[in-house]
Amino acid sequence: MSKAKFELFLSDLNTQGCIHCPNPLADMKLWNTHPRVSLDVLSNKDGAQCPYCGTVYKLKTQFKIKKLVLNS
């Protein structure tokens, strides 16, 4: 398993706060890797780890945000 770690900007995430692995940002070639998985980076303060290759994706510290709970 990989021990690679990548710090991301909010702009690197999709609208659900996720990123896909394998990812070109991590210099991975899509034709030579594992199945594509969606990783929820925003829900975990330590980032998200790919279950296939072990790569960890996390937000740069100055971009960490708190989730707000809205009362309906």
N, C-alpha and C. Protein backbone atom coordinates (compact mmCIF):
# COMPACT_ATOMS: atom_id res chain seq x y z
N MET A 1 0.82 -1.20 0.00
CA MET A 1 0.00 0.00 0.00
C MET A 1 0.86 1.25 0.00
N SER A 2 0.33 2.27 -0.63
CA SER A 2 1.02 3.55 -0.72
C SER A 2 0.97 4.29 0.61
N LYS A 3 1.98 5.06 0.88
CA LYS A 3 1.98 5.93 2.05
C LYS A 3 1.94 7.39 1.60
N ALA A 4 1.48 7.61 0.39
CA ALA A 4 1.42 8.96 -0.17
C ALA A 4 0.36 9.78 0.55
N LYS A 5 0.66 11.07 0.73
CA LYS A 5 -0.28 12.01 1.34
C LYS A 5 -0.35 13.25 0.47
N PHE A 6 -1.57 13.75 0.26
CA PHE A 6 -1.78 14.92 -0.57
C PHE A 6 -2.66 15.91 0.15
N GLU A 7 -2.22 17.17 0.19
CA GLU A 7 -3.02 18.24 0.76
C GLU A 7 -3.77 18.93 -0.36
N LEU A 8 -5.04 19.19 -0.11
CA LEU A 8 -5.93 19.71 -1.13
C LEU A 8 -6.48 21.07 -0.77
N PHE A 9 -6.87 21.82 -1.77
CA PHE A 9 -7.64 23.05 -1.59
C PHE A 9 -9.12 22.69 -1.69
N LEU A 10 -9.98 23.53 -1.15
CA LEU A 10 -11.42 23.29 -1.29
C LEU A 10 -11.82 23.19 -2.76
N SER A 11 -11.16 23.93 -3.60
CA SER A 11 -11.49 23.92 -5.03
C SER A 11 -11.16 22.58 -5.70
N ASP A 12 -10.36 21.74 -5.04
CA ASP A 12 -10.05 20.41 -5.58
C ASP A 12 -11.17 19.41 -5.34
N LEU A 13 -12.08 19.72 -4.42
CA LEU A 13 -13.16 18.80 -4.06
C LEU A 13 -14.36 19.01 -4.97
N ASN A 14 -15.20 17.97 -5.09
CA ASN A 14 -16.43 18.13 -5.86
C ASN A 14 -17.49 18.79 -4.96
N THR A 15 -18.70 18.95 -5.46
CA THR A 15 -19.73 19.68 -4.72
C THR A 15 -20.18 18.97 -3.44
N GLN A 16 -19.89 17.69 -3.30
CA GLN A 16 -20.22 16.95 -2.08
C GLN A 16 -19.07 16.93 -1.08
N GLY A 17 -17.98 17.59 -1.38
CA GLY A 17 -16.82 17.60 -0.48
C GLY A 17 -15.95 16.36 -0.60
N CYS A 18 -16.03 15.72 -1.75
CA CYS A 18 -15.28 14.48 -1.97
C CYS A 18 -14.24 14.65 -3.07
N ILE A 19 -13.35 13.68 -3.12
CA ILE A 19 -12.38 13.59 -4.21
C ILE A 19 -12.35 12.12 -4.63
N HIS A 20 -11.96 11.87 -5.85
CA HIS A 20 -11.88 10.50 -6.34
C HIS A 20 -10.44 10.01 -6.35
N CYS A 21 -10.27 8.75 -6.07
CA CYS A 21 -8.98 8.09 -6.17
C CYS A 21 -9.17 6.89 -7.08
N PRO A 22 -8.31 6.66 -8.03
CA PRO A 22 -7.08 7.38 -8.35
C PRO A 22 -7.38 8.77 -8.86
N ASN A 23 -6.39 9.66 -8.68
CA ASN A 23 -6.59 11.06 -9.02
C ASN A 23 -5.38 11.62 -9.75
N PRO A 24 -5.63 12.35 -10.84
CA PRO A 24 -4.51 12.98 -11.56
C PRO A 24 -3.73 13.97 -10.70
N LEU A 25 -4.38 14.58 -9.68
CA LEU A 25 -3.67 15.49 -8.79
C LEU A 25 -2.54 14.77 -8.04
N ALA A 26 -2.71 13.48 -7.85
CA ALA A 26 -1.71 12.67 -7.16
C ALA A 26 -0.77 12.00 -8.16
N ASP A 27 -0.80 12.47 -9.41
CA ASP A 27 0.04 11.96 -10.49
C ASP A 27 -0.18 10.46 -10.72
N MET A 28 -1.44 10.03 -10.62
CA MET A 28 -1.79 8.64 -10.87
C MET A 28 -2.32 8.49 -12.28
N LYS A 29 -1.89 7.47 -12.95
CA LYS A 29 -2.37 7.17 -14.30
C LYS A 29 -3.61 6.29 -14.17
N LEU A 30 -4.73 6.75 -14.71
CA LEU A 30 -5.99 6.03 -14.54
C LEU A 30 -5.97 4.63 -15.15
N TRP A 31 -5.19 4.42 -16.18
CA TRP A 31 -5.17 3.12 -16.84
C TRP A 31 -4.36 2.08 -16.07
N ASN A 32 -3.60 2.50 -15.08
CA ASN A 32 -2.68 1.58 -14.41
C ASN A 32 -2.93 1.54 -12.89
N THR A 33 -4.18 1.69 -12.47
CA THR A 33 -4.47 1.74 -11.05
C THR A 33 -5.71 0.93 -10.69
N HIS A 34 -6.23 1.17 -9.51
CA HIS A 34 -7.37 0.44 -8.97
C HIS A 34 -8.69 1.06 -9.43
N PRO A 35 -9.84 0.42 -9.08
CA PRO A 35 -11.14 1.01 -9.42
C PRO A 35 -11.32 2.38 -8.77
N ARG A 36 -12.09 3.24 -9.39
CA ARG A 36 -12.31 4.59 -8.90
C ARG A 36 -13.23 4.57 -7.68
N VAL A 37 -12.83 5.26 -6.61
CA VAL A 37 -13.64 5.37 -5.41
C VAL A 37 -13.77 6.85 -5.03
N SER A 38 -14.88 7.18 -4.41
CA SER A 38 -15.12 8.53 -3.93
C SER A 38 -14.76 8.59 -2.45
N LEU A 39 -13.96 9.58 -2.06
CA LEU A 39 -13.50 9.70 -0.68
C LEU A 39 -14.02 11.02 -0.10
N ASP A 40 -14.69 10.94 1.05
CA ASP A 40 -15.27 12.12 1.70
C ASP A 40 -14.21 12.80 2.56
N VAL A 41 -13.63 13.85 2.05
CA VAL A 41 -12.53 14.56 2.72
C VAL A 41 -13.07 15.50 3.81
N LEU A 42 -14.23 16.12 3.58
CA LEU A 42 -14.75 17.10 4.53
C LEU A 42 -15.25 16.51 5.84
N SER A 43 -15.72 15.28 5.82
CA SER A 43 -16.32 14.69 7.03
C SER A 43 -15.30 14.22 8.05
N ASN A 44 -14.05 14.12 7.66
CA ASN A 44 -13.04 13.57 8.56
C ASN A 44 -11.90 14.57 8.71
N LYS A 45 -11.64 15.01 9.93
CA LYS A 45 -10.58 16.02 10.14
C LYS A 45 -9.19 15.51 9.78
N ASP A 46 -9.01 14.19 9.78
CA ASP A 46 -7.71 13.60 9.44
C ASP A 46 -7.59 13.30 7.95
N GLY A 47 -8.61 13.65 7.20
CA GLY A 47 -8.59 13.37 5.77
C GLY A 47 -9.26 12.05 5.46
N ALA A 48 -9.12 11.61 4.24
CA ALA A 48 -9.71 10.35 3.80
C ALA A 48 -8.63 9.48 3.18
N GLN A 49 -8.69 8.19 3.51
CA GLN A 49 -7.69 7.26 3.00
C GLN A 49 -8.33 6.30 2.01
N CYS A 50 -7.69 6.12 0.88
CA CYS A 50 -8.18 5.20 -0.14
C CYS A 50 -8.04 3.76 0.36
N PRO A 51 -9.13 2.97 0.29
CA PRO A 51 -9.05 1.59 0.75
C PRO A 51 -8.22 0.69 -0.16
N TYR A 52 -7.98 1.11 -1.40
CA TYR A 52 -7.20 0.31 -2.33
C TYR A 52 -5.70 0.56 -2.23
N CYS A 53 -5.30 1.83 -2.32
CA CYS A 53 -3.87 2.11 -2.39
C CYS A 53 -3.31 2.77 -1.13
N GLY A 54 -4.18 3.20 -0.21
CA GLY A 54 -3.72 3.79 1.04
C GLY A 54 -3.36 5.26 0.97
N THR A 55 -3.52 5.88 -0.20
CA THR A 55 -3.21 7.30 -0.33
C THR A 55 -4.16 8.11 0.55
N VAL A 56 -3.60 9.09 1.27
CA VAL A 56 -4.39 9.94 2.16
C VAL A 56 -4.55 11.32 1.52
N TYR A 57 -5.79 11.78 1.49
CA TYR A 57 -6.12 13.10 0.97
C TYR A 57 -6.68 13.91 2.12
N LYS A 58 -6.14 15.11 2.34
CA LYS A 58 -6.68 15.97 3.38
C LYS A 58 -6.60 17.43 2.96
N LEU A 59 -7.43 18.25 3.61
CA LEU A 59 -7.43 19.67 3.31
C LEU A 59 -6.22 20.35 3.91
N LYS A 60 -5.73 21.36 3.22
CA LYS A 60 -4.69 22.20 3.80
C LYS A 60 -5.28 22.84 5.05
N THR A 61 -4.49 22.97 6.10
CA THR A 61 -5.02 23.38 7.40
C THR A 61 -5.75 24.71 7.39
N GLN A 62 -5.31 25.66 6.60
CA GLN A 62 -5.98 26.95 6.61
C GLN A 62 -7.35 26.89 5.93
N PHE A 63 -7.69 25.76 5.32
CA PHE A 63 -8.96 25.64 4.64
C PHE A 63 -9.94 24.72 5.34
N LYS A 64 -9.61 24.24 6.53
CA LYS A 64 -10.55 23.38 7.24
C LYS A 64 -11.76 24.20 7.63
N ILE A 65 -12.93 23.61 7.49
CA ILE A 65 -14.16 24.32 7.81
C ILE A 65 -14.99 23.50 8.77
N LYS A 66 -15.86 24.16 9.47
CA LYS A 66 -16.78 23.47 10.37
C LYS A 66 -18.09 23.25 9.63
N LYS A 67 -18.72 22.10 9.92
CA LYS A 67 -20.03 21.84 9.35
C LYS A 67 -21.05 22.56 10.22
N LEU A 68 -22.01 23.18 9.58
CA LEU A 68 -23.07 23.85 10.29
C LEU A 68 -24.32 22.98 10.28
N VAL A 69 -24.99 22.95 11.41
CA VAL A 69 -26.26 22.23 11.50
C VAL A 69 -27.34 23.27 11.55
N LEU A 70 -28.22 23.23 10.57
CA LEU A 70 -29.31 24.20 10.49
C LEU A 70 -30.59 23.59 11.04
N ASN A 71 -31.28 24.35 11.85
CA ASN A 71 -32.58 23.90 12.36
C ASN A 71 -33.63 24.16 11.30
N SER A 72 -34.45 23.15 11.04
CA SER A 72 -35.49 23.31 10.02
C SER A 72 -36.77 23.84 10.63
